[in-house]
Amino acid sequence: MRAIVISKIGAPEVLEWREVPDLRPGRGEVLIDVAASAVNRADVLQRLGFYNPPPGDSEYPGLECSGVVAEVGADVEHFQVGDRVCALLGGGGYAEQVTVPWQQVMPVPDNVSLTEAAALPEVVCTVWSNVFMTARLRRSDTLLVHGGASGVGTMAIQLAKAFGSRVIATAGTPEKLERLRELGADEVINYREEDFAEKAEADVILDIMGAKYLSRNIKALRTGGRLVIIGLQGGISAELDLRMLLNKRAAVHGTTLRSRPTDEKGVIVRGVVDNVWPLVSAGAVRPVIYAEVPLAEAARAHEMLDSGEHVGKILLVR
């Protein structure tokens, strides 16, 4: 088979389409013929040498895919050859085939194409696990989403609105802000021109920036608020006024998805299938797709992501 290989640490051109060894599913694994994958910020970090796959996962980039089940290993439940599926991966999505524990595999939702389904696993599992499972967003809550134009951001806006919450989202251009309004954001903030901490009050904050936003995020939290940090684009170290945290009886959660064990990912995946897939099938929540790029041209897709001009997901299609 062929896969995108990171030939060395560096710019997008280090991503090379090569012949690699064929795969066979192990016990509890499903082998998927990949129809499409998607580009995530974690793939860029891996390309730059900052985010290696967990032990035992594929060295090829790609944290999600869609496709058709080609083979099943022993002890696989619920799936059989020929099923149309999408999957949450620890790595390996940038390839013609990938193996994955069956617990991380999901049926393609109704009314979504096989290609479109590749835009769902990583963002939906990220939002469901962090906003709903960890931060316990309620109908009466306000959610503040940083990086609203990202794949995770566009999904967080839609899911929170579908569950009846109020949403504030940040982005850096008028065009992106308008798109976030179209997706359902009740209020939008241009982070280049305004200080979100002076304008927003939120019960839950989904943050991709880390250190740069830490003190302002705490300021923006309401009493009893929950801050969930899922990215470190703004640095890894910052001072925090703990008195403000204590006075607000607030909580700060830091989480990752990729490194979680299979059983934890399985719980998240089942929650997504039970609670989110009906919304996707009904059209209340949809994947936001910015572009489709041939899988062999992954370098070009990474250049798009690096530009910061996209809204939603960039797909890699076979």
C-alpha atoms as a PDB file:
ATOM      1  CA  MET A   1       0.000   0.000   0.000  1.00  0.00           C
ATOM      2  CA  ARG A   2       0.974   3.666  -0.081  1.00  0.00           C
ATOM      3  CA  ALA A   3       1.054   6.240   2.690  1.00  0.00           C
ATOM      4  CA  ILE A   4       2.289   9.726   3.473  1.00  0.00           C
ATOM      5  CA  VAL A   5       5.623   9.431   5.255  1.00  0.00           C
ATOM      6  CA  ILE A   6       7.285  12.237   7.228  1.00  0.00           C
ATOM      7  CA  SER A   7      10.740  11.959   5.646  1.00  0.00           C
ATOM      8  CA  LYS A   8      12.306  14.344   8.167  1.00  0.00           C
ATOM      9  CA  ILE A   9      11.307  17.140  10.513  1.00  0.00           C
ATOM     10  CA  GLY A  10      10.403  20.273   8.612  1.00  0.00           C
ATOM     11  CA  ALA A  11       8.112  22.201   6.279  1.00  0.00           C
ATOM     12  CA  PRO A  12       5.169  20.637   4.400  1.00  0.00           C
ATOM     13  CA  GLU A  13       7.369  19.360   1.577  1.00  0.00           C
ATOM     14  CA  VAL A  14       8.799  16.683   3.905  1.00  0.00           C
ATOM     15  CA  LEU A  15       5.490  14.825   3.487  1.00  0.00           C
ATOM     16  CA  GLU A  16       6.131  12.150   0.844  1.00  0.00           C
ATOM     17  CA  TRP A  17       3.760   9.654  -0.817  1.00  0.00           C
ATOM     18  CA  ARG A  18       5.560   6.311  -0.662  1.00  0.00           C
ATOM     19  CA  GLU A  19       5.146   2.562  -0.897  1.00  0.00           C
ATOM     20  CA  VAL A  20       5.022   1.103   2.620  1.00  0.00           C
ATOM     21  CA  PRO A  21       4.391  -2.375   4.071  1.00  0.00           C
ATOM     22  CA  ASP A  22       0.857  -3.756   3.819  1.00  0.00           C
ATOM     23  CA  LEU A  23      -1.245  -4.012   6.977  1.00  0.00           C
ATOM     24  CA  ARG A  24      -3.224  -6.837   8.582  1.00  0.00           C
ATOM     25  CA  PRO A  25      -5.615  -6.378  11.485  1.00  0.00           C
ATOM     26  CA  GLY A  26      -4.597  -7.730  14.871  1.00  0.00           C
ATOM     27  CA  ARG A  27      -6.886  -9.062  17.577  1.00  0.00           C
ATOM     28  CA  GLY A  28      -9.690  -6.589  18.181  1.00  0.00           C
ATOM     29  CA  GLU A  29      -8.745  -4.480  15.155  1.00  0.00           C
ATOM     30  CA  VAL A  30     -10.501  -3.462  11.961  1.00  0.00           C
ATOM     31  CA  LEU A  31      -8.677  -2.890   8.664  1.00  0.00           C
ATOM     32  CA  ILE A  32     -10.185   0.017   6.742  1.00  0.00           C
ATOM     33  CA  ASP A  33      -9.743   0.880   3.062  1.00  0.00           C
ATOM     34  CA  VAL A  34      -9.388   4.634   3.474  1.00  0.00           C
ATOM     35  CA  ALA A  35     -11.630   6.866   1.364  1.00  0.00           C
ATOM     36  CA  ALA A  36     -10.600  10.129   2.999  1.00  0.00           C
ATOM     37  CA  SER A  37      -8.712  11.554   5.949  1.00  0.00           C
ATOM     38  CA  ALA A  38      -8.452  15.087   7.321  1.00  0.00           C
ATOM     39  CA  VAL A  39      -5.730  17.493   8.378  1.00  0.00           C
ATOM     40  CA  ASN A  40      -5.504  18.432  12.050  1.00  0.00           C
ATOM     41  CA  ARG A  41      -3.180  20.743  13.965  1.00  0.00           C
ATOM     42  CA  ALA A  42      -1.692  17.657  15.623  1.00  0.00           C
ATOM     43  CA  ASP A  43      -0.490  16.458  12.198  1.00  0.00           C
ATOM     44  CA  VAL A  44       1.413  19.711  11.735  1.00  0.00           C
ATOM     45  CA  LEU A  45       2.971  19.367  15.184  1.00  0.00           C
ATOM     46  CA  GLN A  46       3.994  15.802  14.362  1.00  0.00           C
ATOM     47  CA  ARG A  47       5.574  16.999  11.107  1.00  0.00           C
ATOM     48  CA  LEU A  48       7.543  19.560  13.119  1.00  0.00           C
ATOM     49  CA  GLY A  49       8.722  16.970  15.629  1.00  0.00           C
ATOM     50  CA  PHE A  50       6.633  18.142  18.603  1.00  0.00           C
ATOM     51  CA  TYR A  51       3.877  15.512  18.834  1.00  0.00           C
ATOM     52  CA  ASN A  52       4.862  11.915  18.201  1.00  0.00           C
ATOM     53  CA  PRO A  53       2.232   9.165  18.039  1.00  0.00           C
ATOM     54  CA  PRO A  54       1.523   7.189  21.215  1.00  0.00           C
ATOM     55  CA  PRO A  55       3.474   3.921  21.522  1.00  0.00           C
ATOM     56  CA  GLY A  56       1.985   1.243  19.303  1.00  0.00           C
ATOM     57  CA  ASP A  57       0.153   3.614  16.969  1.00  0.00           C
ATOM     58  CA  SER A  58       1.052   4.190  13.327  1.00  0.00           C
ATOM     59  CA  GLU A  59       3.965   6.523  12.560  1.00  0.00           C
ATOM     60  CA  TYR A  60       2.081   7.955   9.584  1.00  0.00           C
ATOM     61  CA  PRO A  61       0.096  11.141  10.320  1.00  0.00           C
ATOM     62  CA  GLY A  62      -3.671  11.278  10.346  1.00  0.00           C
ATOM     63  CA  LEU A  63      -5.983  11.176  13.377  1.00  0.00           C
ATOM     64  CA  GLU A  64      -9.211  10.281  11.566  1.00  0.00           C
ATOM     65  CA  CYS A  65     -10.501   8.653   8.424  1.00  0.00           C
ATOM     66  CA  SER A  66     -13.526   7.337   6.612  1.00  0.00           C
ATOM     67  CA  GLY A  67     -13.728   4.282   4.419  1.00  0.00           C
ATOM     68  CA  VAL A  68     -14.937   0.713   4.064  1.00  0.00           C
ATOM     69  CA  VAL A  69     -14.084  -2.229   6.320  1.00  0.00           C
ATOM     70  CA  ALA A  70     -11.744  -4.528   4.366  1.00  0.00           C
ATOM     71  CA  GLU A  71     -10.980  -7.117   7.060  1.00  0.00           C
ATOM     72  CA  VAL A  72     -11.713  -7.761  10.711  1.00  0.00           C
ATOM     73  CA  GLY A  73      -9.474  -9.391  13.295  1.00  0.00           C
ATOM     74  CA  ALA A  74     -10.477 -11.809  16.028  1.00  0.00           C
ATOM     75  CA  ASP A  75     -12.824 -10.572  18.770  1.00  0.00           C
ATOM     76  CA  VAL A  76     -14.156  -7.622  16.755  1.00  0.00           C
ATOM     77  CA  GLU A  77     -17.708  -6.667  17.660  1.00  0.00           C
ATOM     78  CA  HIS A  78     -20.383  -4.829  15.663  1.00  0.00           C
ATOM     79  CA  PHE A  79     -18.452  -4.458  12.372  1.00  0.00           C
ATOM     80  CA  GLN A  80     -18.018  -6.650   9.310  1.00  0.00           C
ATOM     81  CA  VAL A  81     -16.410  -6.498   5.883  1.00  0.00           C
ATOM     82  CA  GLY A  82     -18.128  -3.967   3.628  1.00  0.00           C
ATOM     83  CA  ASP A  83     -19.385  -1.636   6.354  1.00  0.00           C
ATOM     84  CA  ARG A  84     -19.097   2.096   5.645  1.00  0.00           C
ATOM     85  CA  VAL A  85     -17.337   3.591   8.648  1.00  0.00           C
ATOM     86  CA  CYS A  86     -15.322   6.459  10.038  1.00  0.00           C
ATOM     87  CA  ALA A  87     -12.772   6.152  12.820  1.00  0.00           C
ATOM     88  CA  LEU A  88     -10.839   7.996  15.491  1.00  0.00           C
ATOM     89  CA  LEU A  89      -7.156   7.117  15.092  1.00  0.00           C
ATOM     90  CA  GLY A  90      -3.936   7.441  17.043  1.00  0.00           C
ATOM     91  CA  GLY A  91      -2.208   7.851  13.670  1.00  0.00           C
ATOM     92  CA  GLY A  92      -2.114   6.394  10.178  1.00  0.00           C
ATOM     93  CA  GLY A  93      -4.997   8.138   8.429  1.00  0.00           C
ATOM     94  CA  TYR A  94      -2.812   9.493   5.615  1.00  0.00           C
ATOM     95  CA  ALA A  95      -2.664   6.090   3.917  1.00  0.00           C
ATOM     96  CA  GLU A  96      -4.561   3.753   1.632  1.00  0.00           C
ATOM     97  CA  GLN A  97      -5.343   1.474   4.578  1.00  0.00           C
ATOM     98  CA  VAL A  98      -5.289   1.752   8.350  1.00  0.00           C
ATOM     99  CA  THR A  99      -5.858  -0.589  11.282  1.00  0.00           C
ATOM    100  CA  VAL A 100      -7.756   0.621  14.333  1.00  0.00           C
ATOM    101  CA  PRO A 101      -9.322  -0.923  17.465  1.00  0.00           C
ATOM    102  CA  TRP A 102     -12.972  -1.618  16.741  1.00  0.00           C
ATOM    103  CA  GLN A 103     -14.033   0.471  19.759  1.00  0.00           C
ATOM    104  CA  GLN A 104     -12.834   3.593  17.917  1.00  0.00           C
ATOM    105  CA  VAL A 105     -14.856   2.863  14.771  1.00  0.00           C
ATOM    106  CA  MET A 106     -18.253   4.419  14.027  1.00  0.00           C
ATOM    107  CA  PRO A 107     -20.850   3.865  11.304  1.00  0.00           C
ATOM    108  CA  VAL A 108     -21.121   6.712   8.807  1.00  0.00           C
ATOM    109  CA  PRO A 109     -24.126   8.813   9.874  1.00  0.00           C
ATOM    110  CA  ASP A 110     -27.152   8.939   7.605  1.00  0.00           C
ATOM    111  CA  ASN A 111     -27.213  11.800   5.079  1.00  0.00           C
ATOM    112  CA  VAL A 112     -23.416  12.178   5.137  1.00  0.00           C
ATOM    113  CA  SER A 113     -21.244  11.012   2.249  1.00  0.00           C
ATOM    114  CA  LEU A 114     -18.342   8.639   2.805  1.00  0.00           C
ATOM    115  CA  THR A 115     -15.899  11.462   2.031  1.00  0.00           C
ATOM    116  CA  GLU A 116     -17.628  13.995   4.289  1.00  0.00           C
ATOM    117  CA  ALA A 117     -17.544  11.528   7.171  1.00  0.00           C
ATOM    118  CA  ALA A 118     -13.762  11.894   7.385  1.00  0.00           C
ATOM    119  CA  ALA A 119     -14.311  15.418   8.730  1.00  0.00           C
ATOM    120  CA  LEU A 120     -16.184  14.173  11.791  1.00  0.00           C
ATOM    121  CA  PRO A 121     -14.333  11.772  14.146  1.00  0.00           C
ATOM    122  CA  GLU A 122     -11.596  13.951  15.614  1.00  0.00           C
ATOM    123  CA  VAL A 123     -13.605  17.149  16.002  1.00  0.00           C
ATOM    124  CA  VAL A 124     -16.798  15.529  17.235  1.00  0.00           C
ATOM    125  CA  CYS A 125     -14.971  13.329  19.755  1.00  0.00           C
ATOM    126  CA  THR A 126     -12.933  16.337  20.911  1.00  0.00           C
ATOM    127  CA  VAL A 127     -15.990  18.506  21.441  1.00  0.00           C
ATOM    128  CA  TRP A 128     -18.130  15.785  22.996  1.00  0.00           C
ATOM    129  CA  SER A 129     -15.436  14.653  25.436  1.00  0.00           C
ATOM    130  CA  ASN A 130     -14.359  18.135  26.501  1.00  0.00           C
ATOM    131  CA  VAL A 131     -17.413  20.371  26.327  1.00  0.00           C
ATOM    132  CA  PHE A 132     -20.056  17.847  27.348  1.00  0.00           C
ATOM    133  CA  MET A 133     -18.315  15.051  29.289  1.00  0.00           C
ATOM    134  CA  THR A 134     -15.630  17.072  31.099  1.00  0.00           C
ATOM    135  CA  ALA A 135     -17.139  20.579  31.339  1.00  0.00           C
ATOM    136  CA  ARG A 136     -20.769  19.376  31.543  1.00  0.00           C
ATOM    137  CA  LEU A 137     -22.229  22.130  29.363  1.00  0.00           C
ATOM    138  CA  ARG A 138     -25.880  22.725  30.209  1.00  0.00           C
ATOM    139  CA  ARG A 139     -28.734  24.275  28.282  1.00  0.00           C
ATOM    140  CA  SER A 140     -28.629  27.364  30.517  1.00  0.00           C
ATOM    141  CA  ASP A 141     -24.865  27.845  30.033  1.00  0.00           C
ATOM    142  CA  THR A 142     -22.860  30.114  27.773  1.00  0.00           C
ATOM    143  CA  LEU A 143     -19.936  28.551  25.903  1.00  0.00           C
ATOM    144  CA  LEU A 144     -16.945  30.622  24.767  1.00  0.00           C
ATOM    145  CA  VAL A 145     -15.110  28.975  21.860  1.00  0.00           C
ATOM    146  CA  HIS A 146     -11.627  30.188  20.954  1.00  0.00           C
ATOM    147  CA  GLY A 147     -10.512  29.500  17.405  1.00  0.00           C
ATOM    148  CA  GLY A 148     -14.102  29.368  16.254  1.00  0.00           C
ATOM    149  CA  ALA A 149     -13.132  28.953  12.595  1.00  0.00           C
ATOM    150  CA  SER A 150     -11.156  25.758  13.214  1.00  0.00           C
ATOM    151  CA  GLY A 151     -12.611  22.311  12.679  1.00  0.00           C
ATOM    152  CA  VAL A 152     -13.125  21.893  16.420  1.00  0.00           C
ATOM    153  CA  GLY A 153     -14.495  25.419  16.730  1.00  0.00           C
ATOM    154  CA  THR A 154     -17.074  25.075  13.966  1.00  0.00           C
ATOM    155  CA  MET A 155     -18.276  21.800  15.493  1.00  0.00           C
ATOM    156  CA  ALA A 156     -18.372  23.187  19.048  1.00  0.00           C
ATOM    157  CA  ILE A 157     -20.576  26.083  17.937  1.00  0.00           C
ATOM    158  CA  GLN A 158     -23.045  23.791  16.203  1.00  0.00           C
ATOM    159  CA  LEU A 159     -23.224  21.176  18.941  1.00  0.00           C
ATOM    160  CA  ALA A 160     -23.653  23.694  21.734  1.00  0.00           C
ATOM    161  CA  LYS A 161     -26.453  25.405  19.825  1.00  0.00           C
ATOM    162  CA  ALA A 162     -28.099  22.068  19.049  1.00  0.00           C
ATOM    163  CA  PHE A 163     -28.207  21.350  22.784  1.00  0.00           C
ATOM    164  CA  GLY A 164     -29.694  24.781  23.502  1.00  0.00           C
ATOM    165  CA  SER A 165     -26.730  26.702  24.917  1.00  0.00           C
ATOM    166  CA  ARG A 166     -25.636  30.255  24.120  1.00  0.00           C
ATOM    167  CA  VAL A 167     -22.350  30.536  22.181  1.00  0.00           C
ATOM    168  CA  ILE A 168     -19.670  33.211  21.930  1.00  0.00           C
ATOM    169  CA  ALA A 169     -16.862  32.578  19.429  1.00  0.00           C
ATOM    170  CA  THR A 170     -13.585  34.296  18.585  1.00  0.00           C
ATOM    171  CA  ALA A 171     -11.874  34.634  15.211  1.00  0.00           C
ATOM    172  CA  GLY A 172      -9.456  37.032  13.520  1.00  0.00           C
ATOM    173  CA  THR A 173     -11.177  38.363  10.385  1.00  0.00           C
ATOM    174  CA  PRO A 174     -14.608  39.830   9.562  1.00  0.00           C
ATOM    175  CA  GLU A 175     -15.159  37.074   7.011  1.00  0.00           C
ATOM    176  CA  LYS A 176     -14.571  34.343   9.578  1.00  0.00           C
ATOM    177  CA  LEU A 177     -16.768  36.102  12.124  1.00  0.00           C
ATOM    178  CA  GLU A 178     -19.628  36.229   9.641  1.00  0.00           C
ATOM    179  CA  ARG A 179     -19.252  32.512   8.934  1.00  0.00           C
ATOM    180  CA  LEU A 180     -19.414  31.779  12.661  1.00  0.00           C
ATOM    181  CA  ARG A 181     -22.646  33.739  12.908  1.00  0.00           C
ATOM    182  CA  GLU A 182     -24.036  31.605  10.087  1.00  0.00           C
ATOM    183  CA  LEU A 183     -23.126  28.490  12.061  1.00  0.00           C
ATOM    184  CA  GLY A 184     -25.143  29.764  15.007  1.00  0.00           C
ATOM    185  CA  ALA A 185     -22.818  31.814  17.223  1.00  0.00           C
ATOM    186  CA  ASP A 186     -24.859  34.309  19.244  1.00  0.00           C
ATOM    187  CA  GLU A 187     -21.919  36.683  19.656  1.00  0.00           C
ATOM    188  CA  VAL A 188     -18.572  36.923  17.866  1.00  0.00           C
ATOM    189  CA  ILE A 189     -15.376  38.683  18.906  1.00  0.00           C
ATOM    190  CA  ASN A 190     -12.459  39.715  16.692  1.00  0.00           C
ATOM    191  CA  TYR A 191      -9.501  38.792  18.889  1.00  0.00           C
ATOM    192  CA  ARG A 192      -7.203  41.060  16.846  1.00  0.00           C
ATOM    193  CA  GLU A 193      -9.244  44.144  17.698  1.00  0.00           C
ATOM    194  CA  GLU A 194     -11.027  43.384  20.988  1.00  0.00           C
ATOM    195  CA  ASP A 195     -10.159  41.866  24.360  1.00  0.00           C
ATOM    196  CA  PHE A 196     -12.531  38.945  24.810  1.00  0.00           C
ATOM    197  CA  ALA A 197     -12.106  39.131  28.593  1.00  0.00           C
ATOM    198  CA  GLU A 198     -13.673  42.591  28.574  1.00  0.00           C
ATOM    199  CA  LYS A 199     -16.666  41.484  26.494  1.00  0.00           C
ATOM    200  CA  ALA A 200     -17.426  37.871  27.311  1.00  0.00           C
ATOM    201  CA  GLU A 201     -18.818  36.052  30.335  1.00  0.00           C
ATOM    202  CA  ALA A 202     -18.998  32.288  29.996  1.00  0.00           C
ATOM    203  CA  ASP A 203     -19.778  29.203  32.030  1.00  0.00           C
ATOM    204  CA  VAL A 204     -17.571  26.996  29.857  1.00  0.00           C
ATOM    205  CA  ILE A 205     -14.534  28.013  27.784  1.00  0.00           C
ATOM    206  CA  LEU A 206     -12.967  25.748  25.155  1.00  0.00           C
ATOM    207  CA  ASP A 207      -9.414  27.008  24.687  1.00  0.00           C
ATOM    208  CA  ILE A 208      -6.708  26.179  22.137  1.00  0.00           C
ATOM    209  CA  MET A 209      -4.240  28.884  23.188  1.00  0.00           C
ATOM    210  CA  GLY A 210      -3.019  27.822  26.616  1.00  0.00           C
ATOM    211  CA  ALA A 211      -0.632  30.192  28.416  1.00  0.00           C
ATOM    212  CA  LYS A 212      -1.381  33.343  26.413  1.00  0.00           C
ATOM    213  CA  TYR A 213      -5.073  33.284  27.314  1.00  0.00           C
ATOM    214  CA  LEU A 214      -4.955  31.727  30.791  1.00  0.00           C
ATOM    215  CA  SER A 215      -5.474  34.770  33.008  1.00  0.00           C
ATOM    216  CA  ARG A 216      -8.016  36.344  30.660  1.00  0.00           C
ATOM    217  CA  ASN A 217      -9.923  33.072  30.412  1.00  0.00           C
ATOM    218  CA  ILE A 218     -10.252  32.965  34.206  1.00  0.00           C
ATOM    219  CA  LYS A 219     -11.407  36.579  34.153  1.00  0.00           C
ATOM    220  CA  ALA A 220     -14.071  35.708  31.584  1.00  0.00           C
ATOM    221  CA  LEU A 221     -15.409  32.743  33.573  1.00  0.00           C
ATOM    222  CA  ARG A 222     -18.566  33.109  35.593  1.00  0.00           C
ATOM    223  CA  THR A 223     -18.808  31.760  39.122  1.00  0.00           C
ATOM    224  CA  GLY A 224     -18.598  27.986  38.954  1.00  0.00           C
ATOM    225  CA  GLY A 225     -17.183  28.156  35.439  1.00  0.00           C
ATOM    226  CA  ARG A 226     -15.098  25.493  33.711  1.00  0.00           C
ATOM    227  CA  LEU A 227     -12.090  26.182  31.502  1.00  0.00           C
ATOM    228  CA  VAL A 228     -10.972  23.307  29.261  1.00  0.00           C
ATOM    229  CA  ILE A 229      -7.556  23.707  27.623  1.00  0.00           C
ATOM    230  CA  ILE A 230      -7.030  21.469  24.586  1.00  0.00           C
ATOM    231  CA  GLY A 231      -4.196  23.301  22.811  1.00  0.00           C
ATOM    232  CA  LEU A 232      -1.034  25.255  23.515  1.00  0.00           C
ATOM    233  CA  GLN A 233      -0.750  27.533  20.492  1.00  0.00           C
ATOM    234  CA  GLY A 234      -0.126  30.464  22.851  1.00  0.00           C
ATOM    235  CA  GLY A 235       2.567  28.820  24.964  1.00  0.00           C
ATOM    236  CA  ILE A 236       2.955  26.349  27.804  1.00  0.00           C
ATOM    237  CA  SER A 237       3.767  28.452  30.878  1.00  0.00           C
ATOM    238  CA  ALA A 238       1.890  31.322  32.532  1.00  0.00           C
ATOM    239  CA  GLU A 239       1.238  32.852  35.956  1.00  0.00           C
ATOM    240  CA  LEU A 240      -2.239  32.588  37.420  1.00  0.00           C
ATOM    241  CA  ASP A 241      -3.901  34.611  40.178  1.00  0.00           C
ATOM    242  CA  LEU A 242      -5.259  31.726  42.246  1.00  0.00           C
ATOM    243  CA  ARG A 243      -7.406  34.078  44.324  1.00  0.00           C
ATOM    244  CA  MET A 244      -9.511  34.796  41.249  1.00  0.00           C
ATOM    245  CA  LEU A 245      -9.861  31.067  40.580  1.00  0.00           C
ATOM    246  CA  LEU A 246     -10.884  30.378  44.176  1.00  0.00           C
ATOM    247  CA  ASN A 247     -13.278  33.307  44.398  1.00  0.00           C
ATOM    248  CA  LYS A 248     -15.067  32.104  41.291  1.00  0.00           C
ATOM    249  CA  ARG A 249     -15.056  28.480  42.465  1.00  0.00           C
ATOM    250  CA  ALA A 250     -13.870  27.713  38.959  1.00  0.00           C
ATOM    251  CA  ALA A 251     -12.136  24.669  37.505  1.00  0.00           C
ATOM    252  CA  VAL A 252      -9.341  24.356  34.954  1.00  0.00           C
ATOM    253  CA  HIS A 253      -9.090  21.121  32.969  1.00  0.00           C
ATOM    254  CA  GLY A 254      -6.257  20.176  30.646  1.00  0.00           C
ATOM    255  CA  THR A 255      -6.941  17.282  28.304  1.00  0.00           C
ATOM    256  CA  THR A 256      -5.668  15.429  25.268  1.00  0.00           C
ATOM    257  CA  LEU A 257      -7.502  12.872  23.152  1.00  0.00           C
ATOM    258  CA  ARG A 258      -4.807  11.118  21.145  1.00  0.00           C
ATOM    259  CA  SER A 259      -2.962   9.546  24.075  1.00  0.00           C
ATOM    260  CA  ARG A 260      -6.006   8.142  25.862  1.00  0.00           C
ATOM    261  CA  PRO A 261      -6.285   4.353  26.117  1.00  0.00           C
ATOM    262  CA  THR A 262      -8.643   2.484  23.820  1.00  0.00           C
ATOM    263  CA  ASP A 263     -11.295   1.882  26.474  1.00  0.00           C
ATOM    264  CA  GLU A 264     -11.558   5.623  27.218  1.00  0.00           C
ATOM    265  CA  LYS A 265     -11.761   6.448  23.530  1.00  0.00           C
ATOM    266  CA  GLY A 266     -14.432   3.775  23.207  1.00  0.00           C
ATOM    267  CA  VAL A 267     -16.581   5.472  25.839  1.00  0.00           C
ATOM    268  CA  ILE A 268     -16.268   8.771  23.972  1.00  0.00           C
ATOM    269  CA  VAL A 269     -17.073   7.146  20.628  1.00  0.00           C
ATOM    270  CA  ARG A 270     -20.194   5.465  22.025  1.00  0.00           C
ATOM    271  CA  GLY A 271     -21.327   8.783  23.460  1.00  0.00           C
ATOM    272  CA  VAL A 272     -20.871  10.399  20.049  1.00  0.00           C
ATOM    273  CA  VAL A 273     -22.838   7.704  18.229  1.00  0.00           C
ATOM    274  CA  ASP A 274     -25.681   7.858  20.760  1.00  0.00           C
ATOM    275  CA  ASN A 275     -25.910  11.624  21.196  1.00  0.00           C
ATOM    276  CA  VAL A 276     -24.374  13.349  18.169  1.00  0.00           C
ATOM    277  CA  TRP A 277     -25.036  11.071  15.197  1.00  0.00           C
ATOM    278  CA  PRO A 278     -28.822  11.641  15.390  1.00  0.00           C
ATOM    279  CA  LEU A 279     -28.182  15.382  15.137  1.00  0.00           C
ATOM    280  CA  VAL A 280     -25.867  14.879  12.154  1.00  0.00           C
ATOM    281  CA  SER A 281     -28.383  12.616  10.419  1.00  0.00           C
ATOM    282  CA  ALA A 282     -31.139  15.192  11.001  1.00  0.00           C
ATOM    283  CA  GLY A 283     -29.004  17.997   9.545  1.00  0.00           C
ATOM    284  CA  ALA A 284     -28.827  19.969  12.805  1.00  0.00           C
ATOM    285  CA  VAL A 285     -25.039  19.510  12.829  1.00  0.00           C
ATOM    286  CA  ARG A 286     -22.904  19.233   9.700  1.00  0.00           C
ATOM    287  CA  PRO A 287     -19.196  18.912   8.969  1.00  0.00           C
ATOM    288  CA  VAL A 288     -17.779  22.211   7.727  1.00  0.00           C
ATOM    289  CA  ILE A 289     -15.405  21.442   4.862  1.00  0.00           C
ATOM    290  CA  TYR A 290     -13.050  24.082   3.526  1.00  0.00           C
ATOM    291  CA  ALA A 291     -11.303  22.088   0.786  1.00  0.00           C
ATOM    292  CA  GLU A 292     -10.678  18.605  -0.573  1.00  0.00           C
ATOM    293  CA  VAL A 293      -7.110  17.769  -1.600  1.00  0.00           C
ATOM    294  CA  PRO A 294      -5.782  14.502  -3.075  1.00  0.00           C
ATOM    295  CA  LEU A 295      -4.173  12.401  -0.366  1.00  0.00           C
ATOM    296  CA  ALA A 296      -0.903  12.211  -2.303  1.00  0.00           C
ATOM    297  CA  GLU A 297      -0.760  16.036  -2.116  1.00  0.00           C
ATOM    298  CA  ALA A 298      -0.858  16.236   1.681  1.00  0.00           C
ATOM    299  CA  ALA A 299       1.906  18.849   1.603  1.00  0.00           C
ATOM    300  CA  ARG A 300      -0.439  21.254  -0.180  1.00  0.00           C
ATOM    301  CA  ALA A 301      -3.140  20.620   2.424  1.00  0.00           C
ATOM    302  CA  HIS A 302      -0.664  21.403   5.215  1.00  0.00           C
ATOM    303  CA  GLU A 303       0.219  24.662   3.476  1.00  0.00           C
ATOM    304  CA  MET A 304      -3.481  25.559   3.531  1.00  0.00           C
ATOM    305  CA  LEU A 305      -3.705  24.853   7.251  1.00  0.00           C
ATOM    306  CA  ASP A 306      -0.513  26.790   7.954  1.00  0.00           C
ATOM    307  CA  SER A 307      -1.927  29.823   6.124  1.00  0.00           C
ATOM    308  CA  GLY A 308      -4.697  30.169   8.700  1.00  0.00           C
ATOM    309  CA  GLU A 309      -7.222  31.178   6.057  1.00  0.00           C
ATOM    310  CA  HIS A 310      -9.465  28.127   6.324  1.00  0.00           C
ATOM    311  CA  VAL A 311     -12.823  27.768   8.035  1.00  0.00           C
ATOM    312  CA  GLY A 312     -13.575  24.184   9.013  1.00  0.00           C
ATOM    313  CA  LYS A 313     -11.806  21.042   7.853  1.00  0.00           C
ATOM    314  CA  ILE A 314      -9.352  20.312   5.045  1.00  0.00           C
ATOM    315  CA  LEU A 315      -9.925  16.806   3.698  1.00  0.00           C
ATOM    316  CA  LEU A 316      -7.450  14.450   2.041  1.00  0.00           C
ATOM    317  CA  VAL A 317      -9.289  12.257  -0.474  1.00  0.00           C
ATOM    318  CA  ARG A 318      -8.224   9.238  -2.503  1.00  0.00           C
END
